[in-house]
Amino acid sequence: MYNRRFFQSKLGQAATASILAMVAFVALSTQMQASPAFAATMNCEAVELA
């Protein structure tokens, strides 16, 4: 099914590029460390309208 002729075709090259992009995304996303959200730690005064 997936042989050398498939991977030499345009569809096979697109599939290979897609797989490599997904692997790169997973590899890079595991390297990121979550930082605290800035919106949760903002110091601002709340104004309440009556």
C-alpha atoms as a PDB file:
ATOM      1  CA  MET A   1       0.000   0.000   0.000  1.00  0.00           C
ATOM      2  CA  TYR A   2       2.647   2.559   1.032  1.00  0.00           C
ATOM      3  CA  ASN A   3       5.591   1.821  -1.191  1.00  0.00           C
ATOM      4  CA  ARG A   4       8.333   3.818  -2.865  1.00  0.00           C
ATOM      5  CA  ARG A   5       6.069   4.851  -5.754  1.00  0.00           C
ATOM      6  CA  PHE A   6       3.519   6.316  -3.338  1.00  0.00           C
ATOM      7  CA  PHE A   7       6.080   8.419  -1.504  1.00  0.00           C
ATOM      8  CA  GLN A   8       7.491   9.702  -4.805  1.00  0.00           C
ATOM      9  CA  SER A   9       4.061  10.980  -5.877  1.00  0.00           C
ATOM     10  CA  LYS A  10       2.744  14.442  -4.979  1.00  0.00           C
ATOM     11  CA  LEU A  11       0.249  12.924  -2.543  1.00  0.00           C
ATOM     12  CA  GLY A  12       2.952  10.888  -0.850  1.00  0.00           C
ATOM     13  CA  GLN A  13       5.188  13.931  -0.505  1.00  0.00           C
ATOM     14  CA  ALA A  14       2.310  15.908   0.986  1.00  0.00           C
ATOM     15  CA  ALA A  15       1.607  13.070   3.436  1.00  0.00           C
ATOM     16  CA  THR A  16       5.268  12.953   4.437  1.00  0.00           C
ATOM     17  CA  ALA A  17       5.355  16.727   4.954  1.00  0.00           C
ATOM     18  CA  SER A  18       2.194  16.537   7.059  1.00  0.00           C
ATOM     19  CA  ILE A  19       3.608  13.771   9.238  1.00  0.00           C
ATOM     20  CA  LEU A  20       6.869  15.669   9.732  1.00  0.00           C
ATOM     21  CA  ALA A  21       4.960  18.828  10.656  1.00  0.00           C
ATOM     22  CA  MET A  22       2.908  16.956  13.254  1.00  0.00           C
ATOM     23  CA  VAL A  23       6.041  15.380  14.746  1.00  0.00           C
ATOM     24  CA  ALA A  24       7.747  18.769  14.906  1.00  0.00           C
ATOM     25  CA  PHE A  25       4.676  20.327  16.556  1.00  0.00           C
ATOM     26  CA  VAL A  26       4.585  17.614  19.227  1.00  0.00           C
ATOM     27  CA  ALA A  27       8.333  17.896  19.813  1.00  0.00           C
ATOM     28  CA  LEU A  28       8.174  21.672  20.176  1.00  0.00           C
ATOM     29  CA  SER A  29       5.016  21.736  22.277  1.00  0.00           C
ATOM     30  CA  THR A  30       6.536  19.370  24.837  1.00  0.00           C
ATOM     31  CA  GLN A  31       9.456  21.792  25.247  1.00  0.00           C
ATOM     32  CA  MET A  32       7.215  24.731  26.157  1.00  0.00           C
ATOM     33  CA  GLN A  33       6.567  25.423  29.806  1.00  0.00           C
ATOM     34  CA  ALA A  34       3.288  27.023  30.803  1.00  0.00           C
ATOM     35  CA  SER A  35       3.625  30.428  32.398  1.00  0.00           C
ATOM     36  CA  PRO A  36       0.919  31.976  34.578  1.00  0.00           C
ATOM     37  CA  ALA A  37      -1.715  33.939  32.737  1.00  0.00           C
ATOM     38  CA  PHE A  38      -1.133  37.678  32.860  1.00  0.00           C
ATOM     39  CA  ALA A  39      -4.856  38.450  32.904  1.00  0.00           C
ATOM     40  CA  ALA A  40      -5.253  36.592  36.185  1.00  0.00           C
ATOM     41  CA  THR A  41      -2.459  38.528  37.920  1.00  0.00           C
ATOM     42  CA  MET A  42      -3.205  42.059  36.711  1.00  0.00           C
ATOM     43  CA  ASN A  43      -3.593  44.639  39.456  1.00  0.00           C
ATOM     44  CA  CYS A  44      -6.389  47.008  38.532  1.00  0.00           C
ATOM     45  CA  GLU A  45      -9.275  48.612  40.349  1.00  0.00           C
ATOM     46  CA  ALA A  46     -12.787  47.515  39.559  1.00  0.00           C
ATOM     47  CA  VAL A  47     -15.395  50.261  39.166  1.00  0.00           C
ATOM     48  CA  GLU A  48     -18.989  49.385  39.865  1.00  0.00           C
ATOM     49  CA  LEU A  49     -21.745  51.466  38.350  1.00  0.00           C
ATOM     50  CA  ALA A  50     -25.050  51.767  40.218  1.00  0.00           C
END
